[in-house]
Amino acid sequence: MLNIFHKGDISTKLNAFLVLPIFTLLFFAFIAIFDKYKKLEETQDVLHYSLVVKDLSVLIHSLQTERGLSAGAFSAKNNDYQLQLAKQRKITTDTYSKITHVFTTPPSYLSQKRY
């Protein structure tokens, strides 16, 4: 390899000194781009998690409200809580139907292989 530099002409030497840094630059650029792409994927996953958590939080709040009204209806001697409980059950059912896709379809990040 060193004989090329001693016996070669000037164009061979210049090509060697230009090609090597270009390949090195391309290698590190590829590594940087790949790293940014992985971070983008992780950010998209976190965004999806946050949307799921938000929807589940609304459902949990609705279930807790229904639980409180059920306890009130059970302990009350009259039917004061029955109308409120019926309305809350409808709200809870509607809330659950909005997020059933979370439970029925797997998220996109689970179906892809990560390396």
Protein backbone atom coordinates (compact mmCIF):
# COMPACT_ATOMS: atom_id res chain seq x y z
CA MET A 1 0.00 0.00 0.00
CA LEU A 2 2.77 2.43 0.81
CA ASN A 3 4.51 1.57 -2.48
CA ILE A 4 1.58 3.18 -4.29
CA PHE A 5 2.36 6.50 -2.65
CA HIS A 6 6.06 6.36 -3.41
CA LYS A 7 5.90 5.07 -6.98
CA GLY A 8 2.53 6.43 -8.07
CA ASP A 9 1.98 9.62 -9.93
CA ILE A 10 0.43 12.72 -8.43
CA SER A 11 -3.15 11.93 -9.58
CA THR A 12 -3.11 8.59 -7.74
CA LYS A 13 -1.90 10.29 -4.59
CA LEU A 14 -4.53 13.04 -4.84
CA ASN A 15 -7.30 10.52 -5.47
CA ALA A 16 -6.25 8.50 -2.44
CA PHE A 17 -6.19 11.56 -0.24
CA LEU A 18 -9.60 12.73 -1.51
CA VAL A 19 -11.48 9.44 -1.57
CA LEU A 20 -10.56 8.31 1.94
CA PRO A 21 -11.91 11.45 3.68
CA ILE A 22 -15.06 11.36 1.55
CA PHE A 23 -15.75 7.74 2.54
CA THR A 24 -15.09 8.59 6.17
CA LEU A 25 -17.45 11.56 5.97
CA LEU A 26 -20.16 9.42 4.35
CA PHE A 27 -19.74 6.74 7.02
CA PHE A 28 -20.20 9.19 9.89
CA ALA A 29 -23.08 10.92 8.08
CA PHE A 30 -24.83 7.57 7.73
CA ILE A 31 -24.35 6.87 11.44
CA ALA A 32 -25.74 10.30 12.37
CA ILE A 33 -28.76 9.92 10.07
CA PHE A 34 -29.48 6.44 11.42
CA ASP A 35 -29.30 7.74 15.00
CA LYS A 36 -31.70 10.59 14.21
CA TYR A 37 -34.10 8.14 12.57
CA LYS A 38 -34.11 5.91 15.67
CA LYS A 39 -34.80 8.94 17.85
CA LEU A 40 -37.67 9.92 15.56
CA GLU A 41 -39.18 6.45 15.91
CA GLU A 42 -38.87 6.60 19.69
CA THR A 43 -40.50 10.03 19.72
CA GLN A 44 -43.40 8.74 17.65
CA ASP A 45 -43.81 5.85 20.10
CA VAL A 46 -43.86 8.26 23.06
CA LEU A 47 -46.47 10.37 21.28
CA HIS A 48 -48.62 7.29 20.78
CA TYR A 49 -48.18 6.31 24.43
CA SER A 50 -49.26 9.75 25.56
CA LEU A 51 -52.42 9.60 23.44
CA VAL A 52 -53.29 6.19 24.86
CA VAL A 53 -52.66 7.39 28.41
CA LYS A 54 -54.88 10.42 27.82
CA ASP A 55 -57.73 8.24 26.55
CA LEU A 56 -57.32 5.76 29.38
CA SER A 57 -57.30 8.58 31.91
CA VAL A 58 -60.68 9.78 30.65
CA LEU A 59 -62.04 6.22 30.85
CA ILE A 60 -60.70 5.70 34.38
CA HIS A 61 -62.23 8.99 35.52
CA SER A 62 -65.55 7.95 34.05
CA LEU A 63 -65.37 4.55 35.75
CA GLN A 64 -64.52 6.14 39.10
CA THR A 65 -67.49 8.50 38.78
CA GLU A 66 -69.73 5.55 37.98
CA ARG A 67 -68.31 3.63 40.94
CA GLY A 68 -69.09 6.53 43.27
CA LEU A 69 -72.62 6.85 41.95
CA SER A 70 -73.11 3.08 42.28
CA ALA A 71 -72.02 3.21 45.91
CA GLY A 72 -74.41 6.12 46.50
CA ALA A 73 -77.27 4.32 44.79
CA PHE A 74 -76.62 1.17 46.78
CA SER A 75 -76.52 2.95 50.14
CA ALA A 76 -79.41 5.36 49.48
CA LYS A 77 -82.88 4.26 50.40
CA ASN A 78 -84.53 6.29 47.65
CA ASN A 79 -83.86 6.48 43.89
CA ASP A 80 -81.98 9.79 43.86
CA TYR A 81 -78.85 8.29 42.31
CA GLN A 82 -80.54 6.05 39.73
CA LEU A 83 -80.96 8.73 37.05
CA GLN A 84 -77.44 10.05 37.55
CA LEU A 85 -76.08 6.49 37.48
CA ALA A 86 -77.89 5.71 34.21
CA LYS A 87 -76.44 8.86 32.60
CA GLN A 88 -72.95 8.06 33.87
CA ARG A 89 -73.16 4.48 32.58
CA LYS A 90 -74.00 5.86 29.14
CA ILE A 91 -71.01 8.23 29.34
CA THR A 92 -68.73 5.37 30.46
CA THR A 93 -69.93 3.12 27.62
CA ASP A 94 -69.37 5.91 25.08
CA THR A 95 -65.90 6.59 26.47
CA TYR A 96 -64.99 2.91 26.33
CA SER A 97 -66.25 2.59 22.75
CA LYS A 98 -63.96 5.44 21.72
CA ILE A 99 -60.84 3.61 22.89
CA THR A 100 -61.65 -0.02 22.08
CA HIS A 101 -59.22 0.23 19.16
CA VAL A 102 -56.42 0.39 21.73
CA PHE A 103 -57.42 -3.03 23.05
CA THR A 104 -58.37 -4.72 19.77
CA THR A 105 -55.59 -3.71 17.37
CA PRO A 106 -51.93 -3.88 18.29
CA PRO A 107 -50.01 -0.64 17.93
CA SER A 108 -47.80 -0.21 14.90
CA TYR A 109 -44.60 -0.18 16.93
CA LEU A 110 -45.28 -3.73 18.20
CA SER A 111 -45.63 -5.20 14.72
CA GLN A 112 -42.28 -3.87 13.53
CA LYS A 113 -38.98 -5.51 14.38
CA ARG A 114 -36.58 -3.19 16.14
CA TYR A 115 -32.83 -3.67 16.05
